[in-house]
N, C-alpha and C. Protein backbone atom coordinates (compact mmCIF):
# COMPACT_ATOMS: atom_id res chain seq x y z
N UNK A 1 47.62 -13.76 -43.29
CA UNK A 1 48.32 -13.60 -42.01
C UNK A 1 48.57 -12.11 -41.75
N UNK A 2 48.31 -11.66 -40.49
CA UNK A 2 48.48 -10.25 -40.15
C UNK A 2 49.94 -9.98 -39.80
N UNK A 3 50.51 -8.94 -40.42
CA UNK A 3 51.87 -8.52 -40.09
C UNK A 3 51.77 -7.22 -39.29
N UNK A 4 52.08 -7.29 -37.97
CA UNK A 4 51.83 -6.16 -37.07
C UNK A 4 52.76 -4.98 -37.35
N UNK A 5 53.89 -5.21 -37.98
CA UNK A 5 54.82 -4.11 -38.25
C UNK A 5 54.66 -3.55 -39.66
N UNK A 6 53.58 -3.95 -40.33
CA UNK A 6 53.36 -3.50 -41.70
C UNK A 6 52.16 -2.57 -41.75
N UNK A 7 52.34 -1.39 -42.37
CA UNK A 7 51.26 -0.42 -42.51
C UNK A 7 50.33 -0.88 -43.63
N UNK A 8 49.05 -1.01 -43.31
CA UNK A 8 48.08 -1.48 -44.29
C UNK A 8 47.00 -0.43 -44.46
N UNK A 9 46.11 -0.64 -45.42
CA UNK A 9 45.04 0.33 -45.66
C UNK A 9 44.07 0.40 -44.50
N UNK A 10 43.81 -0.77 -43.84
CA UNK A 10 42.86 -0.73 -42.73
C UNK A 10 43.48 -0.12 -41.48
N UNK A 11 44.81 -0.27 -41.29
CA UNK A 11 45.44 0.39 -40.14
C UNK A 11 45.43 1.90 -40.33
N UNK A 12 45.61 2.35 -41.56
CA UNK A 12 45.54 3.78 -41.84
C UNK A 12 44.12 4.30 -41.58
N UNK A 13 43.13 3.49 -41.98
CA UNK A 13 41.73 3.90 -41.76
C UNK A 13 41.40 4.00 -40.28
N UNK A 14 41.84 3.02 -39.50
CA UNK A 14 41.60 3.05 -38.06
C UNK A 14 42.27 4.25 -37.41
N UNK A 15 43.50 4.54 -37.83
CA UNK A 15 44.21 5.70 -37.27
C UNK A 15 43.48 7.00 -37.62
N UNK A 16 42.97 7.08 -38.83
CA UNK A 16 42.25 8.27 -39.28
C UNK A 16 40.98 8.47 -38.47
N UNK A 17 40.23 7.36 -38.25
CA UNK A 17 39.00 7.43 -37.45
C UNK A 17 39.33 7.87 -36.01
N UNK A 18 40.43 7.32 -35.48
CA UNK A 18 40.83 7.64 -34.11
C UNK A 18 41.09 9.14 -33.94
N UNK A 19 41.85 9.72 -34.87
CA UNK A 19 42.24 11.12 -34.73
C UNK A 19 41.14 12.09 -35.16
N UNK A 20 40.28 11.69 -36.07
CA UNK A 20 39.24 12.60 -36.55
C UNK A 20 37.97 12.52 -35.72
N UNK A 21 37.62 11.34 -35.21
CA UNK A 21 36.34 11.15 -34.53
C UNK A 21 36.50 10.91 -33.03
N UNK A 22 37.26 9.88 -32.65
CA UNK A 22 37.27 9.42 -31.27
C UNK A 22 37.91 10.44 -30.33
N UNK A 23 39.12 10.90 -30.66
CA UNK A 23 39.82 11.82 -29.75
C UNK A 23 39.08 13.14 -29.60
N UNK A 24 38.61 13.81 -30.68
CA UNK A 24 37.84 15.05 -30.48
C UNK A 24 36.57 14.84 -29.68
N UNK A 25 35.87 13.70 -29.91
CA UNK A 25 34.64 13.43 -29.16
C UNK A 25 34.95 13.25 -27.69
N UNK A 26 36.02 12.53 -27.37
CA UNK A 26 36.41 12.32 -25.98
C UNK A 26 36.77 13.64 -25.32
N UNK A 27 37.52 14.48 -26.04
CA UNK A 27 37.91 15.79 -25.49
C UNK A 27 36.69 16.67 -25.25
N UNK A 28 35.72 16.60 -26.15
CA UNK A 28 34.49 17.39 -25.99
C UNK A 28 33.72 16.95 -24.74
N UNK A 29 33.59 15.63 -24.55
CA UNK A 29 32.85 15.11 -23.39
C UNK A 29 33.53 15.52 -22.09
N UNK A 30 34.86 15.44 -22.04
CA UNK A 30 35.59 15.85 -20.83
C UNK A 30 35.39 17.33 -20.57
N UNK A 31 35.43 18.13 -21.66
CA UNK A 31 35.24 19.57 -21.51
C UNK A 31 33.86 19.92 -20.99
N UNK A 32 32.83 19.22 -21.47
CA UNK A 32 31.46 19.47 -21.01
C UNK A 32 31.33 19.14 -19.54
N UNK A 33 31.88 18.00 -19.10
CA UNK A 33 31.81 17.61 -17.70
C UNK A 33 32.52 18.61 -16.81
N UNK A 34 33.70 19.08 -17.26
CA UNK A 34 34.45 20.07 -16.48
C UNK A 34 33.67 21.37 -16.35
N UNK A 35 33.08 21.81 -17.45
CA UNK A 35 32.33 23.07 -17.43
C UNK A 35 31.12 22.99 -16.50
N UNK A 36 30.48 21.81 -16.46
CA UNK A 36 29.34 21.64 -15.56
C UNK A 36 29.77 21.81 -14.11
N UNK A 37 30.94 21.25 -13.77
CA UNK A 37 31.44 21.39 -12.41
C UNK A 37 31.77 22.84 -12.11
N UNK A 38 32.41 23.52 -13.08
CA UNK A 38 32.76 24.93 -12.90
C UNK A 38 31.52 25.78 -12.76
N UNK A 39 30.49 25.52 -13.58
CA UNK A 39 29.25 26.30 -13.51
C UNK A 39 28.57 26.17 -12.17
N UNK A 40 28.62 24.96 -11.57
CA UNK A 40 27.97 24.74 -10.28
C UNK A 40 28.72 25.45 -9.16
N UNK A 41 30.05 25.40 -9.23
CA UNK A 41 30.84 25.81 -8.08
C UNK A 41 31.40 27.22 -8.19
N UNK A 42 31.26 27.88 -9.30
CA UNK A 42 31.95 29.15 -9.49
C UNK A 42 31.01 30.23 -9.98
N UNK A 43 31.16 31.41 -9.39
CA UNK A 43 30.51 32.62 -9.89
C UNK A 43 31.61 33.63 -10.09
N UNK A 44 31.62 34.32 -11.23
CA UNK A 44 32.68 35.28 -11.49
C UNK A 44 32.73 36.31 -10.38
N UNK A 45 33.85 36.41 -9.64
CA UNK A 45 33.89 37.34 -8.52
C UNK A 45 33.98 38.78 -8.97
N UNK A 46 33.19 39.66 -8.36
CA UNK A 46 33.23 41.08 -8.63
C UNK A 46 33.29 41.80 -7.29
N UNK A 47 34.15 42.80 -7.19
CA UNK A 47 34.37 43.51 -5.94
C UNK A 47 34.77 42.52 -4.86
N UNK A 48 33.99 42.45 -3.77
CA UNK A 48 34.44 41.66 -2.63
C UNK A 48 33.79 40.30 -2.52
N UNK A 49 33.05 39.88 -3.52
CA UNK A 49 32.42 38.56 -3.42
C UNK A 49 33.47 37.47 -3.40
N UNK A 50 33.38 36.59 -2.43
CA UNK A 50 34.25 35.44 -2.38
C UNK A 50 33.43 34.21 -2.72
N UNK A 51 33.89 33.46 -3.70
CA UNK A 51 33.16 32.27 -4.12
C UNK A 51 34.04 31.06 -3.86
N UNK A 52 33.48 30.03 -3.26
CA UNK A 52 34.28 28.88 -2.90
C UNK A 52 33.44 27.63 -2.83
N UNK A 53 34.09 26.50 -2.97
CA UNK A 53 33.42 25.22 -2.74
C UNK A 53 33.24 25.06 -1.24
N UNK A 54 32.05 24.73 -0.77
CA UNK A 54 31.86 24.55 0.66
C UNK A 54 32.81 23.50 1.22
N UNK A 55 33.22 23.68 2.48
CA UNK A 55 34.14 22.75 3.10
C UNK A 55 33.55 21.35 3.21
N UNK A 56 32.23 21.27 3.38
CA UNK A 56 31.57 19.97 3.43
C UNK A 56 30.37 20.03 2.48
N UNK A 57 30.29 19.09 1.60
CA UNK A 57 29.28 19.16 0.55
C UNK A 57 27.86 18.93 1.07
N UNK A 58 27.69 18.06 2.03
CA UNK A 58 26.33 17.76 2.49
C UNK A 58 26.35 17.36 3.96
N UNK A 59 26.03 18.33 4.81
CA UNK A 59 26.01 18.10 6.25
C UNK A 59 24.86 18.90 6.85
N UNK A 60 24.13 18.30 7.75
CA UNK A 60 23.08 19.01 8.47
C UNK A 60 23.34 18.84 9.96
N UNK A 61 23.76 19.92 10.64
CA UNK A 61 24.09 19.85 12.05
C UNK A 61 23.51 21.06 12.76
N UNK A 62 23.77 21.13 14.07
CA UNK A 62 23.29 22.26 14.85
C UNK A 62 23.97 23.56 14.44
N UNK A 63 25.10 23.46 13.72
CA UNK A 63 25.81 24.65 13.25
C UNK A 63 25.20 25.21 11.97
N UNK A 64 24.30 24.49 11.36
CA UNK A 64 23.66 24.95 10.13
C UNK A 64 22.48 25.86 10.47
N UNK A 65 22.43 27.03 9.79
CA UNK A 65 21.34 27.98 9.98
C UNK A 65 20.76 28.34 8.62
N UNK A 66 19.47 28.59 8.60
CA UNK A 66 18.80 28.91 7.34
C UNK A 66 17.98 30.19 7.47
N UNK A 67 17.94 30.95 6.38
CA UNK A 67 17.21 32.22 6.33
C UNK A 67 16.43 32.26 5.02
N UNK A 68 15.25 32.81 5.05
CA UNK A 68 14.41 32.77 3.85
C UNK A 68 13.53 34.02 3.78
N UNK A 69 13.35 34.52 2.56
CA UNK A 69 12.30 35.49 2.29
C UNK A 69 11.51 34.99 1.09
N UNK A 70 10.76 35.87 0.44
CA UNK A 70 9.88 35.42 -0.64
C UNK A 70 10.65 35.02 -1.90
N UNK A 71 11.93 35.40 -1.99
CA UNK A 71 12.69 35.12 -3.22
C UNK A 71 13.89 34.20 -3.03
N UNK A 72 14.45 34.18 -1.83
CA UNK A 72 15.72 33.48 -1.66
C UNK A 72 15.75 32.63 -0.39
N UNK A 73 16.53 31.55 -0.48
CA UNK A 73 16.76 30.65 0.65
C UNK A 73 18.26 30.60 0.86
N UNK A 74 18.71 30.95 2.08
CA UNK A 74 20.14 31.03 2.38
C UNK A 74 20.46 30.05 3.49
N UNK A 75 21.48 29.22 3.25
CA UNK A 75 21.93 28.23 4.24
C UNK A 75 23.36 28.59 4.62
N UNK A 76 23.63 28.66 5.92
CA UNK A 76 24.99 28.96 6.37
C UNK A 76 25.48 27.88 7.33
N UNK A 77 26.78 27.69 7.32
CA UNK A 77 27.39 26.73 8.24
C UNK A 77 28.83 27.14 8.52
N UNK A 78 29.19 27.15 9.81
CA UNK A 78 30.55 27.53 10.19
C UNK A 78 31.56 26.59 9.54
N UNK A 79 32.62 27.19 8.96
CA UNK A 79 33.59 26.38 8.23
C UNK A 79 34.85 26.07 9.04
N UNK A 80 34.84 26.43 10.33
CA UNK A 80 36.00 26.14 11.16
C UNK A 80 37.09 27.18 11.04
N UNK A 81 36.84 28.23 10.23
CA UNK A 81 37.83 29.26 10.02
C UNK A 81 37.34 30.62 10.48
N UNK A 82 37.31 31.58 9.54
CA UNK A 82 36.98 32.96 9.87
C UNK A 82 35.49 33.26 9.86
N UNK A 83 34.68 32.30 9.44
CA UNK A 83 33.25 32.58 9.37
C UNK A 83 32.47 31.41 8.86
N UNK A 84 31.39 31.69 8.16
CA UNK A 84 30.50 30.66 7.63
C UNK A 84 30.65 30.53 6.13
N UNK A 85 30.35 29.34 5.63
CA UNK A 85 30.12 29.14 4.20
C UNK A 85 28.63 29.30 3.95
N UNK A 86 28.28 29.87 2.79
CA UNK A 86 26.89 30.13 2.46
C UNK A 86 26.50 29.46 1.16
N UNK A 87 25.30 28.86 1.15
CA UNK A 87 24.67 28.37 -0.06
C UNK A 87 23.44 29.23 -0.32
N UNK A 88 23.31 29.74 -1.54
CA UNK A 88 22.18 30.61 -1.87
C UNK A 88 21.36 29.97 -2.98
N UNK A 89 20.04 29.85 -2.74
CA UNK A 89 19.14 29.26 -3.73
C UNK A 89 18.01 30.24 -4.02
N UNK A 90 17.66 30.37 -5.30
CA UNK A 90 16.52 31.19 -5.69
C UNK A 90 15.25 30.35 -5.58
N UNK A 91 14.18 30.96 -5.08
CA UNK A 91 12.91 30.27 -4.94
C UNK A 91 12.02 30.57 -6.14
N UNK A 92 11.38 29.55 -6.68
CA UNK A 92 10.48 29.76 -7.81
C UNK A 92 9.19 30.43 -7.37
N UNK A 93 8.80 30.20 -6.12
CA UNK A 93 7.62 30.85 -5.55
C UNK A 93 7.78 30.85 -4.04
N UNK A 94 6.94 31.65 -3.36
CA UNK A 94 7.04 31.68 -1.91
C UNK A 94 6.46 30.43 -1.27
N UNK A 95 5.99 29.51 -2.10
CA UNK A 95 5.49 28.22 -1.59
C UNK A 95 6.58 27.17 -1.58
N UNK A 96 7.74 27.48 -2.18
CA UNK A 96 8.83 26.51 -2.19
C UNK A 96 9.29 26.20 -0.77
N UNK A 97 9.53 24.93 -0.51
CA UNK A 97 10.03 24.50 0.80
C UNK A 97 11.32 23.72 0.56
N UNK A 98 12.43 24.26 1.06
CA UNK A 98 13.73 23.60 0.92
C UNK A 98 14.20 23.12 2.29
N UNK A 99 14.91 22.00 2.34
CA UNK A 99 15.40 21.50 3.63
C UNK A 99 16.55 22.35 4.15
N UNK A 100 16.60 22.52 5.45
CA UNK A 100 17.71 23.27 6.07
C UNK A 100 18.90 22.32 6.22
N UNK A 101 19.48 21.97 5.08
CA UNK A 101 20.58 21.03 5.00
C UNK A 101 21.69 21.63 4.16
N UNK A 102 22.92 21.57 4.65
CA UNK A 102 24.03 22.16 3.92
C UNK A 102 24.44 21.24 2.78
N UNK A 103 23.71 21.36 1.67
CA UNK A 103 23.92 20.49 0.51
C UNK A 103 24.18 21.33 -0.73
N UNK A 104 25.30 21.08 -1.38
CA UNK A 104 25.67 21.83 -2.58
C UNK A 104 24.61 21.71 -3.67
N UNK A 105 23.87 20.61 -3.66
CA UNK A 105 22.85 20.39 -4.68
C UNK A 105 21.74 21.43 -4.62
N UNK A 106 21.58 22.09 -3.47
CA UNK A 106 20.52 23.09 -3.33
C UNK A 106 20.93 24.46 -3.84
N UNK A 107 22.22 24.68 -4.06
CA UNK A 107 22.74 26.04 -4.25
C UNK A 107 22.79 26.48 -5.70
N UNK A 108 22.46 27.76 -5.93
CA UNK A 108 22.72 28.41 -7.21
C UNK A 108 24.14 28.96 -7.23
N UNK A 109 24.61 29.45 -6.07
CA UNK A 109 26.01 29.85 -5.94
C UNK A 109 26.37 29.87 -4.46
N UNK A 110 27.68 30.04 -4.18
CA UNK A 110 28.16 29.94 -2.81
C UNK A 110 29.04 31.13 -2.45
N UNK A 111 29.17 31.37 -1.15
CA UNK A 111 30.07 32.38 -0.61
C UNK A 111 30.81 31.77 0.57
N UNK A 112 31.97 32.33 0.91
CA UNK A 112 32.76 31.74 2.00
C UNK A 112 33.34 32.82 2.90
N UNK A 113 33.48 32.45 4.19
CA UNK A 113 34.16 33.27 5.20
C UNK A 113 33.45 34.59 5.49
N UNK A 114 32.14 34.52 5.66
CA UNK A 114 31.35 35.68 6.07
C UNK A 114 30.52 35.31 7.30
N UNK A 115 29.90 36.33 7.90
CA UNK A 115 28.93 36.14 8.97
C UNK A 115 27.62 36.81 8.57
N UNK A 116 26.53 36.15 8.83
CA UNK A 116 25.22 36.65 8.43
C UNK A 116 24.80 37.84 9.29
N UNK A 117 24.28 38.89 8.61
CA UNK A 117 23.68 40.02 9.32
C UNK A 117 22.19 40.15 9.02
N UNK A 118 21.83 40.09 7.72
CA UNK A 118 20.41 40.22 7.39
C UNK A 118 20.17 39.81 5.93
N UNK A 119 18.93 39.46 5.65
CA UNK A 119 18.47 39.17 4.29
C UNK A 119 17.30 40.11 4.01
N UNK A 120 17.53 41.08 3.11
CA UNK A 120 16.53 42.09 2.81
C UNK A 120 16.24 42.08 1.30
N UNK A 121 15.11 41.48 0.93
CA UNK A 121 14.78 41.40 -0.49
C UNK A 121 15.85 40.65 -1.25
N UNK A 122 16.42 41.30 -2.25
CA UNK A 122 17.47 40.67 -3.05
C UNK A 122 18.86 40.87 -2.45
N UNK A 123 18.94 41.57 -1.30
CA UNK A 123 20.22 41.87 -0.70
C UNK A 123 20.53 40.97 0.49
N UNK A 124 21.72 40.37 0.46
CA UNK A 124 22.23 39.61 1.59
C UNK A 124 23.32 40.46 2.23
N UNK A 125 23.12 40.83 3.49
CA UNK A 125 24.06 41.71 4.19
C UNK A 125 24.96 40.84 5.06
N UNK A 126 26.28 41.00 4.88
CA UNK A 126 27.25 40.12 5.52
C UNK A 126 28.33 40.91 6.24
N UNK A 127 28.88 40.27 7.27
CA UNK A 127 29.98 40.83 8.05
C UNK A 127 31.20 39.94 7.83
N UNK A 128 32.41 40.55 7.87
CA UNK A 128 33.62 39.75 7.77
C UNK A 128 34.73 40.40 8.58
N UNK A 129 35.65 39.56 9.04
CA UNK A 129 36.79 40.05 9.79
C UNK A 129 37.24 39.05 10.84
N UNK A 130 38.45 39.28 11.38
CA UNK A 130 39.02 38.37 12.38
C UNK A 130 39.20 39.04 13.73
N UNK A 131 38.77 40.31 13.88
CA UNK A 131 38.91 41.04 15.13
C UNK A 131 37.62 41.79 15.42
N UNK A 132 37.44 42.24 16.69
CA UNK A 132 36.22 43.00 17.01
C UNK A 132 36.04 44.22 16.14
N UNK A 133 37.09 45.00 15.96
CA UNK A 133 37.02 46.19 15.11
C UNK A 133 38.43 46.53 14.63
N UNK A 134 38.56 46.98 13.36
CA UNK A 134 37.48 47.19 12.40
C UNK A 134 37.03 45.89 11.74
N UNK A 135 35.81 45.91 11.24
CA UNK A 135 35.28 44.78 10.50
C UNK A 135 34.75 45.29 9.16
N UNK A 136 34.47 44.37 8.26
CA UNK A 136 33.92 44.75 6.97
C UNK A 136 32.44 44.42 6.89
N UNK A 137 31.69 45.29 6.22
CA UNK A 137 30.28 45.01 5.97
C UNK A 137 30.06 45.04 4.47
N UNK A 138 29.35 44.05 3.96
CA UNK A 138 29.13 43.92 2.52
C UNK A 138 27.66 43.67 2.23
N UNK A 139 27.20 44.20 1.11
CA UNK A 139 25.87 43.88 0.60
C UNK A 139 26.05 43.14 -0.72
N UNK A 140 25.52 41.92 -0.78
CA UNK A 140 25.60 41.11 -1.99
C UNK A 140 24.23 41.14 -2.67
N UNK A 141 24.22 41.52 -3.93
CA UNK A 141 23.00 41.49 -4.74
C UNK A 141 22.82 40.05 -5.24
N UNK A 142 21.81 39.36 -4.74
CA UNK A 142 21.63 37.95 -5.08
C UNK A 142 21.12 37.75 -6.49
N UNK A 143 20.50 38.76 -7.08
CA UNK A 143 20.09 38.66 -8.48
C UNK A 143 21.30 38.70 -9.40
N UNK A 144 22.20 39.63 -9.13
CA UNK A 144 23.38 39.81 -9.98
C UNK A 144 24.54 38.92 -9.56
N UNK A 145 24.42 38.31 -8.35
CA UNK A 145 25.49 37.46 -7.80
C UNK A 145 26.80 38.23 -7.70
N UNK A 146 26.74 39.43 -7.15
CA UNK A 146 27.95 40.21 -6.95
C UNK A 146 27.77 41.17 -5.78
N UNK A 147 28.89 41.60 -5.22
CA UNK A 147 28.88 42.58 -4.14
C UNK A 147 28.65 43.97 -4.71
N UNK A 148 27.71 44.69 -4.11
CA UNK A 148 27.37 46.03 -4.61
C UNK A 148 27.67 47.12 -3.58
N UNK A 149 28.10 46.72 -2.38
CA UNK A 149 28.41 47.71 -1.35
C UNK A 149 29.42 47.12 -0.37
N UNK A 150 30.46 47.89 -0.02
CA UNK A 150 31.43 47.47 1.00
C UNK A 150 31.82 48.68 1.85
N UNK A 151 32.11 48.42 3.12
CA UNK A 151 32.56 49.49 4.01
C UNK A 151 33.25 48.87 5.23
N UNK A 152 34.10 49.65 5.88
CA UNK A 152 34.71 49.26 7.15
C UNK A 152 33.87 49.85 8.28
N UNK A 153 33.63 49.07 9.32
CA UNK A 153 32.76 49.57 10.39
C UNK A 153 33.23 49.11 11.76
N UNK A 154 32.67 49.77 12.76
CA UNK A 154 32.95 49.44 14.16
C UNK A 154 32.01 48.33 14.58
N UNK A 155 32.58 47.15 14.80
CA UNK A 155 31.72 46.01 15.08
C UNK A 155 31.67 45.55 16.51
N UNK A 156 32.43 46.19 17.44
CA UNK A 156 32.45 45.62 18.77
C UNK A 156 32.73 46.55 19.92
N UNK A 157 32.71 47.86 19.70
CA UNK A 157 33.06 48.76 20.79
C UNK A 157 31.92 49.05 21.75
N UNK A 158 30.72 49.08 21.25
CA UNK A 158 29.60 49.48 22.10
C UNK A 158 28.31 48.85 21.58
N UNK A 159 27.38 48.50 22.48
CA UNK A 159 26.07 48.02 22.03
C UNK A 159 25.35 49.05 21.16
N UNK A 160 25.68 50.33 21.39
CA UNK A 160 25.07 51.39 20.60
C UNK A 160 25.57 51.41 19.17
N UNK A 161 26.66 50.70 18.90
CA UNK A 161 27.27 50.71 17.57
C UNK A 161 26.92 49.46 16.76
N UNK A 162 25.97 48.69 17.21
CA UNK A 162 25.58 47.50 16.45
C UNK A 162 24.86 47.90 15.16
N UNK A 163 24.97 47.03 14.16
CA UNK A 163 24.27 47.26 12.90
C UNK A 163 22.78 47.02 13.12
N UNK A 164 21.96 47.96 12.67
CA UNK A 164 20.51 47.83 12.82
C UNK A 164 19.84 47.94 11.45
N UNK A 165 18.63 47.40 11.37
CA UNK A 165 17.93 47.35 10.09
C UNK A 165 16.48 47.79 10.23
N UNK A 166 15.98 48.41 9.16
CA UNK A 166 14.55 48.56 8.94
C UNK A 166 14.23 47.82 7.66
N UNK A 167 12.99 47.86 7.22
CA UNK A 167 12.64 47.20 5.96
C UNK A 167 13.37 47.83 4.78
N UNK A 168 13.71 49.11 4.88
CA UNK A 168 14.25 49.84 3.73
C UNK A 168 15.67 50.33 3.89
N UNK A 169 16.30 50.10 5.05
CA UNK A 169 17.63 50.66 5.27
C UNK A 169 18.40 49.89 6.33
N UNK A 170 19.69 50.18 6.42
CA UNK A 170 20.51 49.68 7.51
C UNK A 170 21.35 50.83 8.05
N UNK A 171 21.71 50.73 9.33
CA UNK A 171 22.51 51.76 9.98
C UNK A 171 23.70 51.10 10.67
N UNK A 172 24.88 51.65 10.47
CA UNK A 172 26.09 51.13 11.10
C UNK A 172 27.02 52.31 11.39
N UNK A 173 28.15 52.05 12.08
CA UNK A 173 29.13 53.08 12.40
C UNK A 173 30.37 52.88 11.53
N UNK A 174 30.57 53.78 10.60
CA UNK A 174 31.64 53.64 9.61
C UNK A 174 32.95 54.24 10.10
N UNK A 175 34.04 53.55 9.80
CA UNK A 175 35.39 54.03 10.12
C UNK A 175 35.75 55.16 9.14
N UNK A 176 36.07 56.33 9.69
CA UNK A 176 36.43 57.49 8.87
C UNK A 176 37.94 57.52 8.65
N UNK A 177 38.46 56.47 8.08
CA UNK A 177 39.91 56.31 7.98
C UNK A 177 40.56 57.36 7.08
N UNK A 178 39.85 57.88 6.10
CA UNK A 178 40.43 58.82 5.15
C UNK A 178 40.06 60.28 5.42
N UNK A 179 39.01 60.49 6.18
CA UNK A 179 38.50 61.86 6.33
C UNK A 179 38.74 62.47 7.70
N UNK A 180 39.03 61.66 8.72
CA UNK A 180 39.21 62.22 10.06
C UNK A 180 40.19 61.35 10.84
N UNK A 181 41.37 61.88 11.10
CA UNK A 181 42.42 61.16 11.81
C UNK A 181 42.41 61.58 13.28
N UNK A 182 42.45 60.60 14.19
CA UNK A 182 42.42 60.89 15.62
C UNK A 182 43.77 61.39 16.10
N UNK A 183 43.74 62.46 16.90
CA UNK A 183 44.95 63.01 17.52
C UNK A 183 44.64 63.32 18.97
N UNK A 184 45.68 63.71 19.72
CA UNK A 184 45.49 64.07 21.12
C UNK A 184 44.64 65.33 21.26
N UNK A 185 44.54 66.11 20.20
CA UNK A 185 43.79 67.36 20.25
C UNK A 185 42.30 67.18 19.96
N UNK A 186 41.96 66.23 19.09
CA UNK A 186 40.54 66.09 18.72
C UNK A 186 39.86 64.86 19.30
N UNK A 187 40.62 63.99 19.97
CA UNK A 187 40.05 62.77 20.55
C UNK A 187 40.17 62.82 22.08
N UNK A 188 39.08 62.95 22.80
CA UNK A 188 39.11 63.08 24.27
C UNK A 188 39.72 61.86 24.97
N UNK A 189 39.65 60.69 24.35
CA UNK A 189 40.16 59.47 24.99
C UNK A 189 41.43 58.98 24.30
N UNK A 190 42.13 59.89 23.67
CA UNK A 190 43.32 59.52 22.89
C UNK A 190 44.38 58.84 23.76
N UNK A 191 44.73 59.45 24.89
CA UNK A 191 45.79 58.90 25.74
C UNK A 191 45.41 57.55 26.31
N UNK A 192 44.14 57.41 26.72
CA UNK A 192 43.69 56.13 27.27
C UNK A 192 43.77 55.03 26.23
N UNK A 193 43.38 55.35 25.00
CA UNK A 193 43.44 54.34 23.93
C UNK A 193 44.88 54.00 23.58
N UNK A 194 45.75 55.00 23.55
CA UNK A 194 47.16 54.75 23.23
C UNK A 194 47.81 53.85 24.27
N UNK A 195 47.30 53.87 25.50
CA UNK A 195 47.85 53.03 26.56
C UNK A 195 47.26 51.61 26.56
N UNK A 196 46.28 51.38 25.71
CA UNK A 196 45.66 50.03 25.63
C UNK A 196 45.88 49.45 24.24
N UNK A 197 44.95 49.67 23.33
CA UNK A 197 45.08 49.09 21.99
C UNK A 197 46.05 49.88 21.12
N UNK A 198 46.24 51.17 21.44
CA UNK A 198 47.16 51.99 20.66
C UNK A 198 46.65 52.39 19.30
N UNK A 199 45.32 52.33 19.09
CA UNK A 199 44.78 52.65 17.76
C UNK A 199 43.48 53.43 17.88
N UNK A 200 43.54 54.73 18.21
CA UNK A 200 42.33 55.54 18.27
C UNK A 200 41.88 55.95 16.86
N UNK A 201 40.59 55.85 16.60
CA UNK A 201 40.04 56.21 15.28
C UNK A 201 38.69 56.89 15.48
N UNK A 202 38.25 57.55 14.43
CA UNK A 202 36.92 58.16 14.45
C UNK A 202 35.95 57.32 13.64
N UNK A 203 34.72 57.18 14.16
CA UNK A 203 33.63 56.51 13.46
C UNK A 203 32.42 57.43 13.45
N UNK A 204 31.55 57.21 12.48
CA UNK A 204 30.35 58.03 12.38
C UNK A 204 29.18 57.16 11.94
N UNK A 205 28.00 57.43 12.49
CA UNK A 205 26.81 56.65 12.15
C UNK A 205 26.39 56.95 10.72
N UNK A 206 26.14 55.89 9.97
CA UNK A 206 25.76 56.00 8.56
C UNK A 206 24.51 55.17 8.31
N UNK A 207 23.58 55.71 7.56
CA UNK A 207 22.39 54.97 7.14
C UNK A 207 22.44 54.76 5.64
N UNK A 208 22.21 53.52 5.22
CA UNK A 208 22.22 53.18 3.79
C UNK A 208 20.81 52.84 3.35
N UNK A 209 20.35 53.51 2.31
CA UNK A 209 19.02 53.26 1.74
C UNK A 209 19.13 52.10 0.76
N UNK A 210 18.37 51.03 0.99
CA UNK A 210 18.45 49.86 0.11
C UNK A 210 17.96 50.16 -1.31
N UNK A 211 17.12 51.15 -1.47
CA UNK A 211 16.61 51.47 -2.81
C UNK A 211 17.69 52.06 -3.70
N UNK A 212 18.61 52.82 -3.10
CA UNK A 212 19.63 53.51 -3.89
C UNK A 212 21.05 53.10 -3.52
N UNK A 213 21.22 52.46 -2.35
CA UNK A 213 22.53 52.12 -1.78
C UNK A 213 23.37 53.37 -1.52
N UNK A 214 22.71 54.51 -1.34
CA UNK A 214 23.39 55.75 -1.00
C UNK A 214 23.56 55.87 0.51
N UNK A 215 24.67 56.49 0.94
CA UNK A 215 24.95 56.69 2.35
C UNK A 215 24.43 58.06 2.81
N UNK A 216 23.94 58.08 4.05
CA UNK A 216 23.58 59.34 4.71
C UNK A 216 24.30 59.39 6.04
N UNK A 217 25.26 60.33 6.18
CA UNK A 217 26.06 60.45 7.39
C UNK A 217 25.32 61.27 8.45
N UNK A 218 25.48 60.88 9.72
CA UNK A 218 24.78 61.57 10.80
C UNK A 218 25.37 62.94 11.08
N UNK A 219 26.67 63.10 10.78
CA UNK A 219 27.33 64.39 11.02
C UNK A 219 28.05 64.46 12.35
N UNK A 220 27.87 63.48 13.22
CA UNK A 220 28.52 63.47 14.53
C UNK A 220 29.46 62.27 14.64
N UNK A 221 30.73 62.53 14.91
CA UNK A 221 31.73 61.47 14.99
C UNK A 221 32.05 61.13 16.44
N UNK A 222 32.54 59.92 16.66
CA UNK A 222 33.00 59.46 17.97
C UNK A 222 34.38 58.86 17.83
N UNK A 223 35.21 59.11 18.84
CA UNK A 223 36.56 58.54 18.86
C UNK A 223 36.53 57.25 19.67
N UNK A 224 36.94 56.14 19.05
CA UNK A 224 36.89 54.82 19.69
C UNK A 224 38.22 54.10 19.46
N UNK A 225 38.37 52.97 20.14
CA UNK A 225 39.58 52.16 20.02
C UNK A 225 39.37 51.01 19.05
N UNK A 226 40.26 50.89 18.09
CA UNK A 226 40.30 49.74 17.20
C UNK A 226 41.53 48.92 17.56
N UNK A 227 41.48 47.64 17.21
CA UNK A 227 42.63 46.77 17.45
C UNK A 227 43.59 46.82 16.27
């Protein structure tokens, strides 16, 4: 007859098996599953890279846009907030064909709250911000999965100040926040700006070489209004 309140040799054996084998094995399996989820959804952030789980795991709508070169396939979709969520996939060859569908299963890593500007080789060029100017411009190295260039720029004052690209470089108008402060003496439109947005600043055209990520300043500044 079994006495449930009596410690026996087989109850000791079962307890020993439970603590030595079953519990560690269960903990290991849970840890492996958790790490797989983390590996899929997370990239160690460096500098300005923002990594996030997409707001919707699998949706294909008119808001979804796709960009591709010989090495990378980029899918973007507006997240209802400050910008788009991005899924980035590496291509094994230029013959790879991926669906233009916002599906986490396609992604090697993700980014959130940016706007697409260009895809140049291994570099994804992105814009971010909640106002016309100033805005942020970032270059993400898709091989290293990290941001390698950041700057503040004039994103909405003039058609002449739009970001432009060649195969080897990009040109934008950088905010000279630390090197040139606008005053009534050096800014011809200072009073007009003070009566509207109240934030006159200087910007200067800058060209960035994709081979070196070095800046080349034009040498001529303009005084514009920022919000």
